[in-house]
């Protein structure tokens, strides 16, 4: 009986030591993989920091236009309806300009909603191209009144691809 008992205890001790070793190895592997991830992140941070410290050459990209004037092009209130796209015409697409839109809710949203998507894009009605502001309000939210301001930015031609024949 003593031998059986000793063998059982010895077997239990071996199993216990094996489990302890396996747990220790898993912990070491986990620490090593975390350290490897930290090392990679530190390398990436150093790379980004070195890129930020490098002097930026002003002539690296050719300027398409020189900023001219910025003017408030549209300023109006509208009720944004849920689920669909709403469009607002900004002007002919052939004008040399860019638009920046700002949408500010006039009232507090009761359900924490925010503008799902907003784009300014050229659209054709079959005869002419028009720049259009499109806004999408989430479908599961109540309608909300918002103030829309659109700024128009115009400039002068400076890029080599802006040839004089283009306007004839």
Protein backbone atom coordinates (compact mmCIF):
# COMPACT_ATOMS: atom_id res chain seq x y z
CA UNK A 1 0.00 0.00 0.00
CA UNK A 2 2.88 2.33 0.76
CA UNK A 3 4.37 1.81 -2.71
CA UNK A 4 1.03 2.59 -4.38
CA UNK A 5 0.66 5.66 -2.29
CA UNK A 6 4.24 6.81 -3.05
CA UNK A 7 3.73 6.23 -6.77
CA UNK A 8 0.48 8.20 -6.70
CA UNK A 9 2.12 11.09 -4.86
CA UNK A 10 5.12 10.97 -7.20
CA UNK A 11 2.84 10.96 -10.25
CA UNK A 12 0.82 13.87 -8.83
CA UNK A 13 4.05 15.78 -8.18
CA UNK A 14 5.25 15.17 -11.75
CA UNK A 15 1.91 16.35 -13.16
CA UNK A 16 1.96 19.39 -10.88
CA UNK A 17 5.53 20.29 -11.93
CA UNK A 18 4.64 19.79 -15.58
CA UNK A 19 1.63 22.10 -15.26
CA UNK A 20 3.74 24.68 -13.44
CA UNK A 21 6.35 24.54 -16.20
CA UNK A 22 3.69 24.85 -18.91
CA UNK A 23 2.13 27.84 -17.14
CA UNK A 24 5.56 29.47 -16.70
CA UNK A 25 6.42 28.90 -20.38
CA UNK A 26 3.07 30.36 -21.51
CA UNK A 27 3.68 33.40 -19.31
CA UNK A 28 7.20 33.86 -20.70
CA UNK A 29 5.92 33.47 -24.28
CA UNK A 30 3.17 36.01 -23.60
CA UNK A 31 5.67 38.48 -22.13
CA UNK A 32 8.03 37.92 -25.09
CA UNK A 33 5.26 38.51 -27.65
CA UNK A 34 4.15 41.65 -25.82
CA UNK A 35 7.74 42.88 -25.70
CA UNK A 36 8.11 42.20 -29.43
CA UNK A 37 4.97 44.23 -30.11
CA UNK A 38 6.26 47.06 -27.93
CA UNK A 39 9.60 46.99 -29.79
CA UNK A 40 7.82 47.25 -33.17
CA UNK A 41 5.71 50.16 -31.92
CA UNK A 42 8.77 51.95 -30.56
CA UNK A 43 10.51 51.55 -33.94
CA UNK A 44 7.47 53.01 -35.71
CA UNK A 45 7.33 55.95 -33.30
CA UNK A 46 11.04 56.63 -33.88
CA UNK A 47 10.51 56.51 -37.64
CA UNK A 48 7.61 58.94 -37.44
CA UNK A 49 9.54 61.26 -35.12
CA UNK A 50 12.50 61.29 -37.52
CA UNK A 51 10.19 62.09 -40.43
CA UNK A 52 8.67 64.95 -38.49
CA UNK A 53 12.12 66.34 -37.70
CA UNK A 54 13.21 66.25 -41.35
CA UNK A 55 12.87 69.63 -43.01
CA UNK A 56 9.95 69.78 -45.42
CA UNK A 57 10.86 71.09 -48.84
CA UNK A 58 8.30 73.68 -49.92
CA UNK A 59 8.57 72.74 -53.59
CA UNK A 60 7.92 69.02 -53.07
CA UNK A 61 4.41 69.23 -54.56
CA UNK A 62 3.50 71.58 -57.37
CA UNK A 63 0.80 74.02 -56.25
CA UNK A 64 -2.45 73.62 -58.19
CA UNK A 65 -3.69 77.05 -57.21
CA UNK A 66 -2.71 79.90 -55.01
CA UNK A 67 -5.38 80.61 -52.45
CA UNK A 68 -7.28 83.65 -53.51
CA UNK A 69 -10.29 84.64 -51.50
CA UNK A 70 -12.58 82.80 -49.16
CA UNK A 71 -16.18 83.96 -49.07
CA UNK A 72 -19.37 82.80 -47.41
CA UNK A 73 -21.24 81.33 -50.37
CA UNK A 74 -24.41 79.99 -48.71
CA UNK A 75 -25.87 80.34 -45.18
CA UNK A 76 -29.27 78.78 -44.47
CA UNK A 77 -31.24 76.64 -42.02
CA UNK A 78 -32.78 73.34 -43.09
CA UNK A 79 -34.52 70.39 -41.47
CA UNK A 80 -32.47 67.25 -42.06
CA UNK A 81 -34.77 64.30 -42.64
CA UNK A 82 -33.66 60.83 -41.54
CA UNK A 83 -32.43 58.12 -43.85
CA UNK A 84 -32.06 59.78 -47.22
CA UNK A 85 -29.61 62.03 -48.97
CA UNK A 86 -30.53 65.70 -49.16
CA UNK A 87 -28.90 67.80 -51.87
CA UNK A 88 -28.20 71.52 -52.18
CA UNK A 89 -26.94 73.12 -55.39
CA UNK A 90 -23.82 75.24 -54.99
CA UNK A 91 -23.12 76.43 -58.53
CA UNK A 92 -21.79 75.37 -61.92
CA UNK A 93 -18.99 72.80 -61.81
CA UNK A 94 -16.90 74.62 -64.39
CA UNK A 95 -15.98 77.42 -61.97
CA UNK A 96 -12.41 77.35 -60.68
CA UNK A 97 -13.19 77.01 -56.99
CA UNK A 98 -13.48 74.67 -54.05
CA UNK A 99 -16.15 74.47 -51.37
CA UNK A 100 -15.97 73.77 -47.65
CA UNK A 101 -19.22 73.04 -45.80
CA UNK A 102 -20.03 73.45 -42.13
CA UNK A 103 -23.18 71.91 -40.68
CA UNK A 104 -24.22 72.98 -37.17
CA UNK A 105 -27.33 71.57 -35.48
CA UNK A 106 -29.59 74.38 -34.23
CA UNK A 107 -31.18 72.16 -31.61
CA UNK A 108 -29.82 69.40 -29.40
CA UNK A 109 -30.19 65.90 -30.79
CA UNK A 110 -32.47 63.87 -28.57
CA UNK A 111 -30.93 60.54 -29.51
CA UNK A 112 -27.24 61.43 -29.79
CA UNK A 113 -27.20 61.35 -33.58
CA UNK A 114 -24.59 62.95 -35.79
CA UNK A 115 -24.29 63.56 -39.50
CA UNK A 116 -23.75 60.19 -41.12
CA UNK A 117 -22.07 61.50 -44.26
CA UNK A 118 -21.49 64.77 -46.09
CA UNK A 119 -19.98 65.18 -49.56
CA UNK A 120 -19.57 67.89 -52.16
CA UNK A 121 -19.60 66.45 -55.65
CA UNK A 122 -20.32 67.38 -59.28
CA UNK A 123 -23.62 66.05 -60.62
CA UNK A 124 -25.11 66.22 -64.11
CA UNK A 125 -28.80 66.70 -64.87
CA UNK A 126 -28.31 65.59 -68.48
CA UNK A 127 -27.44 69.07 -69.74
CA UNK A 128 -25.07 70.77 -67.29
CA UNK A 129 -22.77 69.92 -64.43
CA UNK A 130 -23.48 71.41 -61.01
CA UNK A 131 -21.56 71.19 -57.73
CA UNK A 132 -23.91 69.78 -55.08
CA UNK A 133 -23.63 69.43 -51.29
CA UNK A 134 -25.15 66.13 -50.16
CA UNK A 135 -25.94 65.38 -46.49
CA UNK A 136 -27.17 62.10 -45.03
CA UNK A 137 -28.84 62.07 -41.61
CA UNK A 138 -29.12 58.63 -39.90
CA UNK A 139 -32.35 56.73 -40.62
CA UNK A 140 -33.05 55.82 -37.01
CA UNK A 141 -33.00 59.42 -35.73
CA UNK A 142 -35.61 62.14 -35.51
CA UNK A 143 -35.43 65.05 -37.99
CA UNK A 144 -33.27 67.93 -36.81
CA UNK A 145 -32.88 71.57 -37.83
CA UNK A 146 -29.33 72.54 -38.80
CA UNK A 147 -27.56 75.64 -40.04
CA UNK A 148 -25.51 75.06 -43.18
CA UNK A 149 -22.69 77.36 -44.18
CA UNK A 150 -20.77 76.80 -47.38
CA UNK A 151 -17.56 78.69 -48.01
CA UNK A 152 -16.27 79.19 -51.55
CA UNK A 153 -12.53 79.32 -52.10
CA UNK A 154 -11.28 80.75 -55.37
CA UNK A 155 -7.72 81.07 -56.66
CA UNK A 156 -5.60 81.79 -59.67
CA UNK A 157 -4.28 79.22 -62.10
CA UNK A 158 -0.66 78.24 -61.53
CA UNK A 159 -0.35 74.54 -62.36
CA UNK A 160 1.25 73.48 -65.67
CA UNK A 161 -1.86 71.50 -66.64
CA UNK A 162 -4.00 74.69 -66.52
CA UNK A 163 -3.51 75.68 -70.14
CA UNK A 164 -4.95 78.89 -71.64
CA UNK A 165 -6.80 76.85 -74.32
CA UNK A 166 -8.94 75.27 -71.61
CA UNK A 167 -11.11 78.39 -71.21
CA UNK A 168 -11.73 79.01 -74.93
